[in-house]
Amino acid sequence: MKIQVLGPLSAEVNGGSIVPTAGKPRQILALLALYPGRVMPVPTLMEEVWGTELPQSALTTLQTYILQLRRRLGTAMGPGNPGGAKEVLATRHGGYLLQIAPQSVDVHEYDRLVTEGQSAFEAGDDERAATLLRHALRLWKGPALVDVRVGPILEIDVMRLQESRLVTVERRIDVDLRLGRHTELLAELTELIARNPQHESLHSQAMVALYRSGRQATALDVYRRLRVRLIEDLGVEPSPQLQRLHQAMLAVDPALDVIASPRRGSTFDLYAA
């Protein structure tokens, strides 16, 4: 079985899709897929599908959805695996689980690559970190579970995954900046700060990339526009470290040069106290 949740939901067995068209069974499959080998309690599954106001038929309906998923699974597995669907989508005391290897689900391969990439980043092995983080990000085919109606449980998982994706993008950009790839990053960072207009770390990366590309005035303008936005929207000034980065650019601090910059740590922490 191969399952993808980093984008549209996809689940294939022997090349055949087992993803149901109905919304609620899709939610159940998605939630089980995020936690392979782990029992998902019946109350959790019901809360995901119906929230806190459960219909009287909730348990019976949930069992029907599980049966539908098993039928699709059994069809894909073929007649040579009698009872195999019940072994893969198994019933346990108080819940259900997908008995598949974690690496069958793209999010677990993503987590592995990110962990290894972060370790390489912290060790100063920039080339390896960049390769691992790029491979991790290539697993994304769109927003997590973009075609699944998410309930209160999946919503938390989707938010966690989206935040992880953004953090991983930041780390990969940090590595690219340490490798002197500032010019190549300009278009990507322009789009990222437009999509995340109050995100200080991304703005600091854009400022550094522009500064190192010989565009000091544009880098300072990025800071000015962010400061205006923070004051108008939140009533706060940029963080002290971002203010120190701004002052360093005004002073043409040699520490901003790619050769002089630290081989470890993030761009945002360049001028941390």
Protein backbone atom coordinates (compact mmCIF):
# COMPACT_ATOMS: atom_id res chain seq x y z
CA MET A 1 0.00 0.00 0.00
CA LYS A 2 1.16 3.51 -0.83
CA ILE A 3 -0.59 6.50 0.74
CA GLN A 4 -0.08 10.22 0.12
CA VAL A 5 -1.49 12.92 2.39
CA LEU A 6 0.87 15.78 1.46
CA GLY A 7 -1.52 17.10 -1.16
CA PRO A 8 -4.65 15.35 -2.42
CA LEU A 9 -5.42 12.11 -0.57
CA SER A 10 -4.15 9.10 -2.49
CA ALA A 11 -4.11 5.45 -1.41
CA GLU A 12 -3.18 2.68 -3.79
CA VAL A 13 -2.92 -1.08 -3.52
CA ASN A 14 -1.47 -2.98 -6.50
CA GLY A 15 -1.89 0.17 -8.55
CA GLY A 16 -5.60 0.51 -7.76
CA SER A 17 -7.08 3.37 -5.74
CA ILE A 18 -8.95 2.56 -2.54
CA VAL A 19 -9.91 6.18 -1.79
CA PRO A 20 -13.71 6.44 -1.44
CA THR A 21 -15.63 9.24 -3.13
CA ALA A 22 -17.87 9.94 -0.13
CA GLY A 23 -16.57 12.59 2.28
CA LYS A 24 -16.85 10.88 5.66
CA PRO A 25 -15.11 7.61 4.69
CA ARG A 26 -12.32 9.75 3.19
CA GLN A 27 -11.90 11.47 6.56
CA ILE A 28 -11.62 8.10 8.30
CA LEU A 29 -9.06 6.80 5.82
CA ALA A 30 -7.02 9.99 6.10
CA LEU A 31 -6.96 9.89 9.90
CA LEU A 32 -5.99 6.21 9.99
CA ALA A 33 -3.30 6.82 7.36
CA LEU A 34 -1.66 9.56 9.41
CA TYR A 35 -1.08 7.09 12.26
CA PRO A 36 -0.20 3.72 10.68
CA GLY A 37 0.16 0.86 13.15
CA ARG A 38 -1.59 2.83 15.85
CA VAL A 39 -5.08 2.17 17.16
CA MET A 40 -7.40 5.08 16.48
CA PRO A 41 -10.10 5.00 19.18
CA VAL A 42 -13.72 4.90 18.07
CA PRO A 43 -14.60 8.12 19.97
CA THR A 44 -11.80 9.96 18.14
CA LEU A 45 -13.01 8.74 14.76
CA MET A 46 -16.57 9.75 15.57
CA GLU A 47 -15.49 13.18 16.77
CA GLU A 48 -13.61 13.74 13.53
CA VAL A 49 -16.65 12.86 11.43
CA TRP A 50 -19.47 14.40 13.48
CA GLY A 51 -17.86 16.74 16.00
CA THR A 52 -19.32 16.82 19.50
CA GLU A 53 -22.96 16.36 18.46
CA LEU A 54 -23.09 12.67 17.56
CA PRO A 55 -26.17 11.21 15.89
CA GLN A 56 -27.73 8.19 17.60
CA SER A 57 -26.60 6.02 14.71
CA ALA A 58 -22.97 7.21 14.89
CA LEU A 59 -21.45 3.87 15.93
CA THR A 60 -23.41 1.85 13.39
CA THR A 61 -22.63 4.33 10.64
CA LEU A 62 -18.93 4.31 11.52
CA GLN A 63 -18.90 0.52 11.28
CA THR A 64 -20.53 0.83 7.86
CA TYR A 65 -17.80 3.20 6.71
CA ILE A 66 -15.11 0.78 7.92
CA LEU A 67 -16.85 -2.03 6.03
CA GLN A 68 -16.89 0.08 2.87
CA LEU A 69 -13.19 0.80 3.19
CA ARG A 70 -12.45 -2.91 3.71
CA ARG A 71 -14.42 -3.79 0.60
CA ARG A 72 -12.43 -1.35 -1.50
CA LEU A 73 -9.23 -2.66 0.05
CA GLY A 74 -10.23 -6.28 -0.56
CA THR A 75 -11.07 -5.58 -4.22
CA ALA A 76 -7.69 -3.95 -4.76
CA MET A 77 -5.85 -6.78 -3.00
CA GLY A 78 -7.53 -9.35 -5.23
CA PRO A 79 -9.09 -12.77 -4.63
CA GLY A 80 -5.76 -14.28 -3.62
CA ASN A 81 -5.92 -12.58 -0.23
CA PRO A 82 -9.05 -13.82 1.52
CA GLY A 83 -9.47 -12.00 4.80
CA GLY A 84 -6.51 -9.79 3.98
CA ALA A 85 -8.51 -6.59 4.14
CA LYS A 86 -9.50 -7.28 7.76
CA GLU A 87 -5.85 -7.83 8.61
CA VAL A 88 -4.75 -4.56 7.02
CA LEU A 89 -7.67 -2.47 8.29
CA ALA A 90 -7.88 -4.25 11.61
CA THR A 91 -10.31 -4.06 14.51
CA ARG A 92 -8.79 -3.71 17.95
CA HIS A 93 -10.36 -3.23 21.35
CA GLY A 94 -11.89 0.22 21.26
CA GLY A 95 -10.81 1.19 17.78
CA TYR A 96 -9.29 0.48 14.37
CA LEU A 97 -5.85 0.66 12.82
CA LEU A 98 -4.08 0.41 9.48
CA GLN A 99 -1.45 -2.32 9.80
CA ILE A 100 1.02 -0.96 7.28
CA ALA A 101 4.64 0.14 7.49
CA PRO A 102 5.07 3.84 8.35
CA GLN A 103 7.20 4.34 5.24
CA SER A 104 4.14 3.48 3.15
CA VAL A 105 2.79 6.95 3.98
CA ASP A 106 4.53 9.96 2.44
CA VAL A 107 4.36 12.06 5.61
CA HIS A 108 6.58 9.61 7.49
CA GLU A 109 9.19 9.70 4.73
CA TYR A 110 8.93 13.49 4.86
CA ASP A 111 9.49 13.53 8.64
CA ARG A 112 12.54 11.26 8.28
CA LEU A 113 14.13 13.47 5.63
CA VAL A 114 13.43 16.63 7.63
CA THR A 115 14.97 15.13 10.79
CA GLU A 116 18.11 14.10 8.91
CA GLY A 117 18.25 17.45 7.12
CA GLN A 118 17.93 19.36 10.39
CA SER A 119 20.75 17.30 11.92
CA ALA A 120 22.98 18.07 8.94
CA PHE A 121 22.01 21.75 9.20
CA GLU A 122 22.97 21.91 12.86
CA ALA A 123 26.24 20.11 12.12
CA GLY A 124 27.14 22.63 9.43
CA ASP A 125 26.97 20.07 6.60
CA ASP A 126 25.18 22.47 4.29
CA GLU A 127 25.29 20.51 1.03
CA ARG A 128 23.79 17.43 2.64
CA ALA A 129 21.21 19.51 4.51
CA ALA A 130 20.13 21.25 1.31
CA THR A 131 19.74 17.93 -0.54
CA LEU A 132 17.73 16.28 2.23
CA LEU A 133 15.43 19.25 2.78
CA ARG A 134 14.79 19.62 -0.96
CA HIS A 135 13.87 15.94 -1.20
CA ALA A 136 11.50 16.35 1.74
CA LEU A 137 9.76 19.33 0.19
CA ARG A 138 9.38 17.59 -3.17
CA LEU A 139 7.04 15.09 -1.51
CA TRP A 140 4.43 17.86 -1.21
CA LYS A 141 1.91 17.94 -4.06
CA GLY A 142 -0.21 20.74 -2.62
CA PRO A 143 -1.73 21.68 0.77
CA ALA A 144 -2.06 18.66 3.07
CA LEU A 145 -5.28 16.69 2.47
CA VAL A 146 -6.47 19.45 0.17
CA ASP A 147 -9.39 17.37 -1.15
CA VAL A 148 -10.60 16.06 2.22
CA ARG A 149 -13.19 17.81 4.38
CA VAL A 150 -11.42 17.95 7.71
CA GLY A 151 -13.06 17.78 11.13
CA PRO A 152 -11.65 18.89 14.50
CA ILE A 153 -9.03 16.11 14.69
CA LEU A 154 -7.68 16.29 11.14
CA GLU A 155 -7.72 20.08 11.28
CA ILE A 156 -5.02 19.99 13.96
CA ASP A 157 -2.93 17.54 11.94
CA VAL A 158 -3.25 19.65 8.79
CA MET A 159 -2.21 22.81 10.65
CA ARG A 160 0.79 20.97 12.11
CA LEU A 161 1.86 19.71 8.69
CA GLN A 162 1.48 23.11 7.04
CA GLU A 163 3.55 24.73 9.77
CA SER A 164 6.20 22.03 9.42
CA ARG A 165 6.33 22.65 5.69
CA LEU A 166 6.93 26.37 6.18
CA VAL A 167 9.64 25.74 8.79
CA THR A 168 11.34 23.29 6.43
CA VAL A 169 11.25 25.86 3.63
CA GLU A 170 12.88 28.37 6.01
CA ARG A 171 15.62 25.91 6.93
CA ARG A 172 16.31 25.10 3.29
CA ILE A 173 16.57 28.81 2.49
CA ASP A 174 18.94 29.29 5.43
CA VAL A 175 21.17 26.58 4.00
CA ASP A 176 21.04 28.10 0.51
CA LEU A 177 22.00 31.49 1.94
CA ARG A 178 24.95 29.91 3.75
CA LEU A 179 25.97 28.35 0.43
CA GLY A 180 25.91 31.75 -1.31
CA ARG A 181 22.80 31.09 -3.41
CA HIS A 182 21.20 34.42 -2.51
CA THR A 183 20.45 35.55 -6.07
CA GLU A 184 18.64 32.31 -6.91
CA LEU A 185 16.38 32.79 -3.87
CA LEU A 186 15.03 36.24 -4.71
CA ALA A 187 11.94 35.19 -6.69
CA GLU A 188 10.97 32.52 -4.16
CA LEU A 189 11.39 34.85 -1.19
CA THR A 190 9.38 37.60 -2.89
CA GLU A 191 6.47 35.18 -3.21
CA LEU A 192 6.88 33.85 0.33
CA ILE A 193 6.81 37.25 2.04
CA ALA A 194 3.79 38.21 -0.07
CA ARG A 195 1.99 35.10 1.19
CA ASN A 196 3.23 35.58 4.77
CA PRO A 197 3.16 39.37 5.24
CA GLN A 198 3.90 39.32 8.99
CA HIS A 199 6.47 36.51 9.07
CA GLU A 200 9.67 38.12 10.40
CA SER A 201 12.03 35.22 9.69
CA LEU A 202 11.11 35.08 5.99
CA HIS A 203 11.49 38.86 5.77
CA SER A 204 14.95 38.65 7.33
CA GLN A 205 15.94 36.06 4.72
CA ALA A 206 14.61 38.26 1.92
CA MET A 207 16.55 41.22 3.31
CA VAL A 208 19.80 39.25 3.46
CA ALA A 209 19.33 37.77 -0.02
CA LEU A 210 18.68 41.22 -1.49
CA TYR A 211 21.58 42.82 0.41
CA ARG A 212 24.03 40.16 -0.76
CA SER A 213 22.74 40.59 -4.31
CA GLY A 214 23.78 44.25 -4.25
CA ARG A 215 20.26 45.58 -3.63
CA GLN A 216 20.69 47.28 -0.27
CA ALA A 217 17.93 49.86 -0.88
CA THR A 218 15.38 47.16 -1.72
CA ALA A 219 16.41 45.16 1.34
CA LEU A 220 15.84 48.21 3.54
CA ASP A 221 12.47 48.78 1.89
CA VAL A 222 11.41 45.23 2.79
CA TYR A 223 12.07 46.13 6.42
CA ARG A 224 10.22 49.45 6.12
CA ARG A 225 7.10 47.84 4.65
CA LEU A 226 7.10 45.07 7.28
CA ARG A 227 7.48 47.62 10.09
CA VAL A 228 4.54 49.68 8.78
CA ARG A 229 2.41 46.54 8.51
CA LEU A 230 3.23 45.35 12.03
CA ILE A 231 2.51 48.75 13.54
CA GLU A 232 -0.75 49.23 11.64
CA ASP A 233 -2.06 45.67 12.07
CA LEU A 234 -0.73 44.67 15.50
CA GLY A 235 0.54 47.85 17.12
CA VAL A 236 4.04 46.41 17.60
CA GLU A 237 7.54 47.13 16.33
CA PRO A 238 9.67 44.47 14.60
CA SER A 239 11.60 42.21 16.97
CA PRO A 240 14.91 43.46 18.39
CA GLN A 241 16.96 41.06 16.29
CA LEU A 242 15.26 42.22 13.08
CA GLN A 243 15.90 45.81 14.12
CA ARG A 244 19.57 44.94 14.66
CA LEU A 245 19.69 43.35 11.19
CA HIS A 246 18.27 46.56 9.75
CA GLN A 247 20.89 48.65 11.57
CA ALA A 248 23.65 46.32 10.38
CA MET A 249 22.58 46.88 6.78
CA LEU A 250 22.58 50.63 7.27
CA ALA A 251 26.11 50.33 8.70
CA VAL A 252 27.24 47.89 5.95
CA ASP A 253 28.33 45.40 8.60
CA PRO A 254 30.92 42.95 7.15
CA ALA A 255 29.27 40.17 9.17
CA LEU A 256 26.45 40.22 6.60
CA ASP A 257 28.74 38.96 3.85
CA VAL A 258 28.27 35.31 2.97
CA ILE A 259 31.95 34.54 3.64
CA ALA A 260 31.84 36.08 7.11
CA SER A 261 28.43 34.75 8.12
CA PRO A 262 28.28 31.88 10.61
CA ARG A 263 28.23 28.34 9.24
CA ARG A 264 25.65 27.33 11.81
CA GLY A 265 22.38 28.87 12.90
CA SER A 266 19.57 30.55 11.02
CA THR A 267 19.52 33.85 9.16
CA PHE A 268 16.98 35.23 11.62
CA ASP A 269 19.40 34.59 14.50
CA LEU A 270 22.26 36.42 12.78
CA TYR A 271 21.77 39.35 15.16
CA ALA A 272 20.13 37.62 18.11
CA ALA A 273 21.08 39.07 21.47
